[in-house]
Amino acid sequence: MLIEFDDRDVEKIANKVIELLKPLLKSSPHEENQEIILDVNGLASYLKVNKSWVYERTHLNEIPYYKIGKFPRFRKKDIDKWLEENKHLPIKVRT
């Protein structure tokens, strides 16, 4: 079976594909997640640590946070940056 397209058909198909892709390209899921605000429970879950660990790091000003009234809140974008800046790479030991 042979299907033939002329230039107008190919252009119509290409335009339809572009139209369908535009909403997906405007905002990636990665960008949308950057504005997520976490509470203590959310951050503890995200980092897979206890809530007490989050409260301790907040009290010691070791992690970036904001105060909303008396409640600490954390921007996921800031936490991801903080994680990247504080990562420790394993040391390879030669034998």
Protein backbone atom coordinates (compact mmCIF):
# COMPACT_ATOMS: atom_id res chain seq x y z
CA MET A 1 0.00 0.00 0.00
CA LEU A 2 1.45 3.31 -1.06
CA ILE A 3 0.26 6.63 0.34
CA GLU A 4 1.18 9.81 -1.42
CA PHE A 5 1.15 13.26 0.13
CA ASP A 6 1.56 16.54 -1.60
CA ASP A 7 3.31 19.51 0.04
CA ARG A 8 0.04 20.96 1.32
CA ASP A 9 -0.83 17.72 3.15
CA VAL A 10 2.59 17.54 4.79
CA GLU A 11 2.33 21.18 5.86
CA LYS A 12 -1.13 20.59 7.36
CA ILE A 13 0.16 17.60 9.32
CA ALA A 14 3.22 19.51 10.53
CA ASN A 15 1.09 22.47 11.63
CA LYS A 16 -1.28 20.18 13.52
CA VAL A 17 1.65 18.50 15.31
CA ILE A 18 3.08 21.90 16.28
CA GLU A 19 -0.34 23.05 17.53
CA LEU A 20 -0.65 19.94 19.70
CA LEU A 21 2.89 20.28 21.10
CA LYS A 22 2.75 24.00 22.00
CA PRO A 23 0.93 23.56 25.34
CA LEU A 24 3.40 20.88 26.36
CA LEU A 25 6.42 23.01 25.50
CA LYS A 26 5.20 26.23 27.19
CA SER A 27 5.59 24.93 30.73
CA SER A 28 7.45 21.78 31.55
CA PRO A 29 6.51 19.80 34.67
CA HIS A 30 9.97 20.58 36.06
CA GLU A 31 9.31 24.33 35.94
CA GLU A 32 5.88 24.01 37.53
CA ASN A 33 7.31 22.04 40.47
CA GLN A 34 9.73 24.86 41.27
CA GLU A 35 6.99 26.99 42.82
CA ILE A 36 5.71 24.30 45.16
CA ILE A 37 5.50 25.38 48.80
CA LEU A 38 5.97 22.63 51.39
CA ASP A 39 5.02 22.53 55.04
CA VAL A 40 7.04 20.57 57.61
CA ASN A 41 5.20 17.33 56.84
CA GLY A 42 5.64 17.81 53.10
CA LEU A 43 9.34 18.57 53.42
CA ALA A 44 9.92 15.62 55.75
CA SER A 45 8.19 13.37 53.24
CA TYR A 46 10.12 14.88 50.30
CA LEU A 47 13.48 14.44 52.06
CA LYS A 48 12.46 11.13 53.66
CA VAL A 49 13.38 12.32 57.16
CA ASN A 50 11.53 12.78 60.44
CA LYS A 51 9.63 15.99 61.15
CA SER A 52 11.91 16.55 64.15
CA TRP A 53 14.90 16.68 61.79
CA VAL A 54 13.18 19.40 59.75
CA TYR A 55 12.32 21.41 62.88
CA GLU A 56 15.89 21.09 64.18
CA ARG A 57 17.45 22.25 60.87
CA THR A 58 14.98 25.14 60.74
CA HIS A 59 15.77 26.15 64.32
CA LEU A 60 19.50 26.11 63.50
CA ASN A 61 18.93 28.07 60.27
CA GLU A 62 20.59 25.29 58.31
CA ILE A 63 17.90 25.02 55.63
CA PRO A 64 16.15 27.80 53.71
CA TYR A 65 12.65 28.55 54.97
CA TYR A 66 10.03 31.27 55.32
CA LYS A 67 7.79 32.01 58.24
CA ILE A 68 4.08 32.28 57.55
CA GLY A 69 2.81 33.46 60.91
CA LYS A 70 4.45 31.00 63.25
CA PHE A 71 4.67 28.21 60.68
CA PRO A 72 7.80 27.46 58.63
CA ARG A 73 7.28 26.94 54.92
CA PHE A 74 9.77 25.75 52.34
CA ARG A 75 10.01 26.50 48.62
CA LYS A 76 10.87 23.31 46.78
CA LYS A 77 13.12 25.30 44.46
CA ASP A 78 15.16 26.57 47.43
CA ILE A 79 15.36 23.12 48.99
CA ASP A 80 16.56 21.56 45.73
CA LYS A 81 19.24 24.24 45.42
CA TRP A 82 20.25 23.73 49.07
CA LEU A 83 20.51 19.97 48.49
CA GLU A 84 22.71 20.50 45.44
CA GLU A 85 25.00 22.91 47.30
CA ASN A 86 25.33 20.57 50.28
CA LYS A 87 25.84 17.26 48.57
CA HIS A 88 28.77 15.13 49.60
CA LEU A 89 30.34 12.90 47.02
CA PRO A 90 31.74 9.58 48.22
CA ILE A 91 35.53 9.32 48.35
CA LYS A 92 37.01 6.48 46.37
CA VAL A 93 39.79 4.69 48.20
CA ARG A 94 42.51 3.09 46.13
CA THR A 95 43.74 -0.29 47.22
